[in-house]
Amino acid sequence: MPVRRIIQLLSLFLISGAVMFALFSSASMRDWRTASHAPVGLAPDAATTREAVVQVYAARTWGWRGYFGVHTWVAIKRTGAPAYTIYEVMGWRLRSSDSAVVIRSRAPDARWYGNAPELIAEMRGRGVDALIDRIDKAARDYPYAGKYTMWPGPNSNTFTAWISRAVPELEVDLPPTAIGKDYLGDRLVATAPSGSGLQLSLFGLLGVTASGVEGLELNLLGLTFGVDPFSPAVKLPLVGRLGAAR
């Protein structure tokens, strides 16, 4: 198929999606200042759970951007800790700080400006404290802390992918709606965001990923199309994963 035809089809796909979003979701739009950040019950209670916990979450982003993509973050609780610590990137912080990386205590499974999160990876118990040490180091070594670009990255999903590459034991399969997960900066080759397999990527705009965790993914203009043959599913922009859960 000619490149021009592919671009036309992608453009039609995006435009029709935007029209559908405008027609069917305008009634649900909320003021960001009053949007809910209430937890949804996916995380064990830190007050009654002694074991160490690591969780990775994804939730649709605020406003019209949420139709296209998600915001992701990592939540940790060390053995015996009374609360969770969250690692995430927020681009707006660069208005008043030299780093977009946020490390803070909050509910791990809180709604993201009204949008309920999905738990995409979790580990508990023995050995998890050692993984938490590596998560913390990776977060503090994030090379794009002073940069943020919604598309194609670096953004919050680039940050989560950076951490998951450093801790492949988590086997994080970031959703196809996690735009920015494939951004590698000036590098062309890396392990897949899960930390396994291989990824080729040109500035997060064009690339391919092959991994025992992600399956096979194709990145076109930051949009992910893929197939997971291990837990049979297809991966599509906008809608995410269709098929068996991992």
Protein backbone atom coordinates (compact mmCIF):
# COMPACT_ATOMS: atom_id res chain seq x y z
CA MET A 1 0.00 0.00 0.00
CA PRO A 2 1.46 3.42 -0.95
CA VAL A 3 2.69 5.60 1.93
CA ARG A 4 0.29 8.37 0.89
CA ARG A 5 -2.65 5.99 1.17
CA ILE A 6 -1.53 4.85 4.63
CA ILE A 7 -1.32 8.46 5.81
CA GLN A 8 -4.79 9.17 4.41
CA LEU A 9 -6.27 6.18 6.24
CA LEU A 10 -4.58 7.15 9.50
CA SER A 11 -5.85 10.71 9.16
CA LEU A 12 -9.39 9.50 8.51
CA PHE A 13 -9.14 7.20 11.54
CA LEU A 14 -8.05 10.04 13.81
CA ILE A 15 -10.54 12.58 12.48
CA SER A 16 -13.49 10.20 12.77
CA GLY A 17 -12.39 9.32 16.28
CA ALA A 18 -12.22 12.97 17.27
CA VAL A 19 -15.71 13.60 15.87
CA MET A 20 -17.11 10.64 17.81
CA PHE A 21 -15.44 11.92 20.96
CA ALA A 22 -16.95 15.38 20.52
CA LEU A 23 -20.42 13.96 19.92
CA PHE A 24 -20.60 11.36 22.67
CA SER A 25 -18.38 12.54 25.49
CA SER A 26 -19.07 16.26 25.82
CA ALA A 27 -21.75 15.58 28.39
CA SER A 28 -19.25 13.85 30.66
CA MET A 29 -16.63 16.61 30.61
CA ARG A 30 -15.93 17.98 34.07
CA ASP A 31 -14.09 20.95 35.49
CA TRP A 32 -10.57 19.72 36.26
CA ARG A 33 -10.59 21.65 39.54
CA THR A 34 -13.51 19.61 40.88
CA ALA A 35 -12.74 16.27 39.18
CA SER A 36 -12.56 13.30 41.54
CA HIS A 37 -9.27 11.87 42.78
CA ALA A 38 -10.94 9.26 44.97
CA PRO A 39 -9.37 5.78 45.18
CA VAL A 40 -11.23 2.97 43.42
CA GLY A 41 -10.26 0.00 45.61
CA LEU A 42 -7.54 -1.65 43.50
CA ALA A 43 -4.72 -1.26 46.03
CA PRO A 44 -4.32 -3.18 49.30
CA ASP A 45 -4.77 -1.03 52.39
CA ALA A 46 -1.33 0.09 53.55
CA ALA A 47 -2.57 0.19 57.15
CA THR A 48 -3.37 -3.53 57.17
CA THR A 49 -0.90 -4.86 54.57
CA ARG A 50 2.61 -5.42 55.90
CA GLU A 51 4.18 -6.93 52.77
CA ALA A 52 5.95 -4.82 50.15
CA VAL A 53 3.85 -3.86 47.12
CA VAL A 54 4.58 -2.52 43.63
CA GLN A 55 1.74 -1.56 41.30
CA VAL A 56 1.65 0.11 37.88
CA TYR A 57 -1.47 1.99 36.81
CA ALA A 58 -2.88 3.63 33.68
CA ALA A 59 -5.83 6.02 33.44
CA ARG A 60 -7.27 8.11 30.64
CA THR A 61 -5.84 11.61 30.66
CA TRP A 62 -7.85 14.75 31.28
CA GLY A 63 -10.17 16.25 28.67
CA TRP A 64 -10.04 15.53 24.95
CA ARG A 65 -6.55 14.05 25.27
CA GLY A 66 -8.06 11.14 27.17
CA TYR A 67 -9.69 9.87 24.00
CA PHE A 68 -6.25 9.25 22.52
CA GLY A 69 -4.10 8.28 25.47
CA VAL A 70 -3.47 7.43 29.09
CA HIS A 71 -1.34 8.70 31.94
CA THR A 72 0.68 6.02 33.75
CA TRP A 73 2.38 5.90 37.14
CA VAL A 74 4.16 3.54 39.53
CA ALA A 75 3.08 3.01 43.14
CA ILE A 76 5.28 1.38 45.79
CA LYS A 77 4.99 0.44 49.45
CA ARG A 78 7.94 -0.98 51.33
CA THR A 79 7.55 -3.74 53.89
CA GLY A 80 5.81 -2.31 56.95
CA ALA A 81 5.40 1.16 55.42
CA PRO A 82 2.21 2.98 56.50
CA ALA A 83 1.60 4.64 53.11
CA TYR A 84 2.32 4.39 49.38
CA THR A 85 4.80 6.46 47.40
CA ILE A 86 3.92 7.39 43.82
CA TYR A 87 6.37 7.99 40.97
CA GLU A 88 5.03 9.88 37.96
CA VAL A 89 5.72 12.72 35.54
CA MET A 90 3.61 15.88 35.29
CA GLY A 91 4.55 18.25 32.50
CA TRP A 92 3.02 21.33 34.10
CA ARG A 93 5.59 21.17 36.91
CA LEU A 94 8.20 22.51 34.49
CA ARG A 95 6.51 25.91 34.73
CA SER A 96 7.91 26.28 38.25
CA SER A 97 10.56 23.56 38.56
CA ASP A 98 13.46 22.12 36.59
CA SER A 99 12.04 18.59 36.87
CA ALA A 100 8.73 17.06 35.77
CA VAL A 101 9.31 14.00 37.97
CA VAL A 102 7.00 13.82 40.97
CA ILE A 103 7.68 11.55 43.96
CA ARG A 104 4.97 11.89 46.57
CA SER A 105 2.59 10.11 48.90
CA ARG A 106 -0.99 9.68 47.67
CA ALA A 107 -3.59 6.97 47.10
CA PRO A 108 -2.04 4.60 44.53
CA ASP A 109 -5.36 3.83 42.83
CA ALA A 110 -6.79 7.36 42.81
CA ARG A 111 -8.86 8.50 39.87
CA TRP A 112 -6.90 10.65 37.44
CA TYR A 113 -9.06 13.76 37.15
CA GLY A 114 -12.21 11.69 37.32
CA ASN A 115 -11.00 8.77 35.20
CA ALA A 116 -10.74 5.39 36.93
CA PRO A 117 -7.31 3.74 36.67
CA GLU A 118 -6.54 0.24 35.44
CA LEU A 119 -4.02 -1.95 37.25
CA ILE A 120 -1.57 -3.18 34.62
CA ALA A 121 1.15 -4.78 36.77
CA GLU A 122 1.63 -5.85 40.37
CA MET A 123 4.15 -7.64 42.59
CA ARG A 124 4.00 -8.28 46.33
CA GLY A 125 5.97 -9.97 49.06
CA ARG A 126 9.47 -11.40 49.26
CA GLY A 127 12.10 -9.67 47.14
CA VAL A 128 9.91 -6.69 46.28
CA ASP A 129 11.81 -4.27 48.54
CA ALA A 130 14.89 -4.86 46.37
CA LEU A 131 12.84 -4.07 43.27
CA ILE A 132 11.63 -0.88 44.95
CA ASP A 133 15.25 0.22 45.43
CA ARG A 134 15.79 -0.16 41.68
CA ILE A 135 12.55 1.66 40.87
CA ASP A 136 13.60 4.58 43.05
CA LYS A 137 17.05 4.75 41.45
CA ALA A 138 15.61 4.59 37.92
CA ALA A 139 13.13 7.37 38.70
CA ARG A 140 15.88 9.63 40.02
CA ASP A 141 18.11 8.84 37.02
CA TYR A 142 15.38 9.58 34.44
CA PRO A 143 17.22 11.41 31.63
CA TYR A 144 14.30 13.57 30.45
CA ALA A 145 13.28 15.06 33.80
CA GLY A 146 13.71 18.57 32.40
CA LYS A 147 11.71 17.94 29.22
CA TYR A 148 8.07 17.20 28.46
CA THR A 149 6.29 16.82 25.13
CA MET A 150 2.80 15.35 25.04
CA TRP A 151 3.42 13.81 21.59
CA PRO A 152 5.47 11.84 20.77
CA GLY A 153 7.33 12.17 24.08
CA PRO A 154 9.05 12.35 26.44
CA ASN A 155 6.01 12.32 28.74
CA SER A 156 4.59 10.36 31.67
CA ASN A 157 4.52 7.13 29.67
CA THR A 158 8.15 7.58 28.62
CA PHE A 159 8.96 7.81 32.33
CA THR A 160 7.04 4.66 33.25
CA ALA A 161 8.66 2.79 30.36
CA TRP A 162 12.07 3.95 31.59
CA ILE A 163 11.35 2.44 35.01
CA SER A 164 9.87 -0.79 33.65
CA ARG A 165 12.94 -1.33 31.45
CA ALA A 166 15.08 -1.05 34.58
CA VAL A 167 12.93 -3.59 36.44
CA PRO A 168 11.97 -6.29 33.91
CA GLU A 169 10.76 -8.56 36.71
CA LEU A 170 7.55 -6.51 36.73
CA GLU A 171 6.73 -7.63 33.16
CA VAL A 172 4.87 -4.38 32.49
CA ASP A 173 2.86 -4.44 29.27
CA LEU A 174 2.04 -0.76 28.81
CA PRO A 175 -1.24 -0.31 26.91
CA PRO A 176 -1.20 0.76 23.26
CA THR A 177 -2.82 4.01 24.40
CA ALA A 178 0.31 4.88 26.41
CA ILE A 179 1.59 7.31 23.79
CA GLY A 180 5.23 8.14 24.50
CA LYS A 181 6.22 4.70 25.78
CA ASP A 182 8.23 4.12 22.59
CA TYR A 183 10.20 7.37 22.79
CA LEU A 184 13.93 6.60 23.04
CA GLY A 185 15.40 10.06 22.54
CA ASP A 186 18.48 9.87 20.32
CA ARG A 187 18.69 6.09 20.59
CA LEU A 188 17.34 3.83 17.87
CA VAL A 189 17.54 0.48 19.68
CA ALA A 190 16.58 -0.57 23.20
CA THR A 191 14.87 -3.35 25.07
CA ALA A 192 11.07 -3.22 24.88
CA PRO A 193 9.33 -1.13 27.57
CA SER A 194 8.79 -4.36 29.52
CA GLY A 195 12.57 -4.77 29.73
CA SER A 196 12.51 -7.88 27.55
CA GLY A 197 12.75 -8.40 23.81
CA LEU A 198 13.83 -5.66 21.42
CA GLN A 199 12.55 -2.30 20.25
CA LEU A 200 13.52 -0.17 17.26
CA SER A 201 12.18 3.38 17.38
CA LEU A 202 12.77 6.63 15.50
CA PHE A 203 11.98 9.43 17.98
CA GLY A 204 8.84 7.59 19.08
CA LEU A 205 7.24 8.21 15.68
CA LEU A 206 8.07 5.04 13.78
CA GLY A 207 9.18 1.70 15.12
CA VAL A 208 8.61 -1.93 15.94
CA THR A 209 8.67 -3.93 19.18
CA ALA A 210 9.00 -7.69 19.60
CA SER A 211 8.85 -9.20 23.07
CA GLY A 212 7.57 -12.15 25.04
CA VAL A 213 5.58 -9.67 27.14
CA GLU A 214 4.25 -7.17 24.59
CA GLY A 215 4.04 -9.51 21.62
CA LEU A 216 4.53 -7.73 18.30
CA GLU A 217 3.80 -4.00 18.05
CA LEU A 218 4.09 -1.48 15.22
CA ASN A 219 4.37 2.22 16.02
CA LEU A 220 3.15 4.66 13.35
CA LEU A 221 3.26 8.36 14.24
CA GLY A 222 3.17 7.44 17.92
CA LEU A 223 0.12 5.18 17.52
CA THR A 224 0.46 1.52 18.44
CA PHE A 225 -0.94 -1.39 16.45
CA GLY A 226 -0.12 -4.85 17.73
CA VAL A 227 -0.83 -8.51 18.33
CA ASP A 228 -0.22 -10.47 21.52
CA PRO A 229 -0.07 -14.17 20.57
CA PHE A 230 0.69 -15.28 24.13
CA SER A 231 -2.52 -13.96 25.71
CA PRO A 232 -4.45 -13.64 22.44
CA ALA A 233 -5.37 -10.02 21.84
CA VAL A 234 -5.05 -7.20 19.34
CA LYS A 235 -3.80 -3.74 20.28
CA LEU A 236 -5.23 -0.64 18.67
CA PRO A 237 -4.96 3.14 19.06
CA LEU A 238 -7.79 4.87 20.93
CA VAL A 239 -9.52 1.67 22.08
CA GLY A 240 -6.53 -0.14 23.62
CA ARG A 241 -6.25 -3.89 24.06
CA LEU A 242 -9.03 -6.15 22.73
CA GLY A 243 -9.00 -9.79 23.78
CA ALA A 244 -7.61 -11.78 26.68
CA ALA A 245 -6.08 -9.91 29.59
CA ARG A 246 -2.47 -10.66 30.46
